[in-house]
Amino acid sequence: MQEGYLDQRLIGQRFIIKPTDLTDGVAFYGILYHLHAATPLHTGDTVEITAVSAHGLTVTIIAPQQ
């Protein structure tokens, strides 16, 4: 399997931000990632993963918290 393949599969994944995602990071497939975004993230925001790197996941807000 190609290195980074698992991380690349996360691109396009959408999820709702939980409080622990902002403080501890978010886990996918047993791997913990830090989140990065161009705008501040809030609990309840629906986000989409747009990029992955050694520093974490870059997300874009799709729907702000209600």
Protein backbone atom coordinates (compact mmCIF):
# COMPACT_ATOMS: atom_id res chain seq x y z
CA MET A 1 0.00 0.00 0.00
CA GLN A 2 1.26 3.44 -0.90
CA GLU A 3 2.48 5.61 1.99
CA GLY A 4 -0.11 8.23 2.93
CA TYR A 5 -2.88 6.31 1.15
CA LEU A 6 -5.03 6.08 4.27
CA ASP A 7 -4.68 9.80 4.92
CA GLN A 8 -5.56 10.68 1.31
CA ARG A 9 -8.76 8.65 1.58
CA LEU A 10 -9.97 11.13 4.20
CA ILE A 11 -10.23 13.96 1.66
CA GLY A 12 -13.90 14.73 1.07
CA GLN A 13 -14.99 13.19 4.38
CA ARG A 14 -17.54 15.33 6.22
CA PHE A 15 -18.18 15.36 9.96
CA ILE A 16 -19.64 17.53 12.71
CA ILE A 17 -17.14 19.13 15.10
CA LYS A 18 -17.38 17.87 18.70
CA PRO A 19 -15.81 19.71 21.67
CA THR A 20 -13.02 17.12 21.94
CA ASP A 21 -12.15 17.58 18.24
CA LEU A 22 -11.15 21.16 19.02
CA THR A 23 -9.08 20.34 22.10
CA ASP A 24 -7.63 16.88 21.48
CA GLY A 25 -7.95 16.42 17.71
CA VAL A 26 -10.11 14.06 15.69
CA ALA A 27 -9.50 10.33 15.24
CA PHE A 28 -10.00 8.38 12.00
CA TYR A 29 -9.01 4.71 11.68
CA GLY A 30 -7.31 4.92 15.09
CA ILE A 31 -5.07 7.84 14.09
CA LEU A 32 -5.39 11.18 15.90
CA TYR A 33 -5.16 14.31 13.73
CA HIS A 34 -4.97 18.01 14.60
CA LEU A 35 -7.40 20.24 12.71
CA HIS A 36 -6.50 23.35 10.70
CA ALA A 37 -8.91 25.79 9.07
CA ALA A 38 -8.81 29.25 7.47
CA THR A 39 -11.65 30.38 9.74
CA PRO A 40 -12.31 29.62 13.42
CA LEU A 41 -14.01 26.28 14.08
CA HIS A 42 -16.85 25.86 16.55
CA THR A 43 -18.58 22.87 18.11
CA GLY A 44 -21.47 21.88 15.85
CA ASP A 45 -19.89 23.07 12.58
CA THR A 46 -20.14 20.60 9.70
CA VAL A 47 -16.76 20.46 7.99
CA GLU A 48 -15.16 18.71 5.03
CA ILE A 49 -11.56 17.54 4.91
CA THR A 50 -9.84 19.31 2.02
CA ALA A 51 -6.18 18.39 2.59
CA VAL A 52 -3.94 16.18 4.70
CA SER A 53 -0.35 16.69 5.77
CA ALA A 54 2.11 15.60 8.42
CA HIS A 55 0.76 18.48 10.52
CA GLY A 56 -2.88 17.37 10.46
CA LEU A 57 -6.09 17.80 8.51
CA THR A 58 -7.19 20.97 6.77
CA VAL A 59 -10.95 21.39 6.90
CA THR A 60 -13.46 23.81 5.39
CA ILE A 61 -16.74 24.69 7.08
CA ILE A 62 -19.65 23.39 4.99
CA ALA A 63 -22.43 24.39 7.41
CA PRO A 64 -21.83 26.56 10.49
CA GLN A 65 -23.19 25.52 13.87
CA GLN A 66 -26.95 25.89 14.19
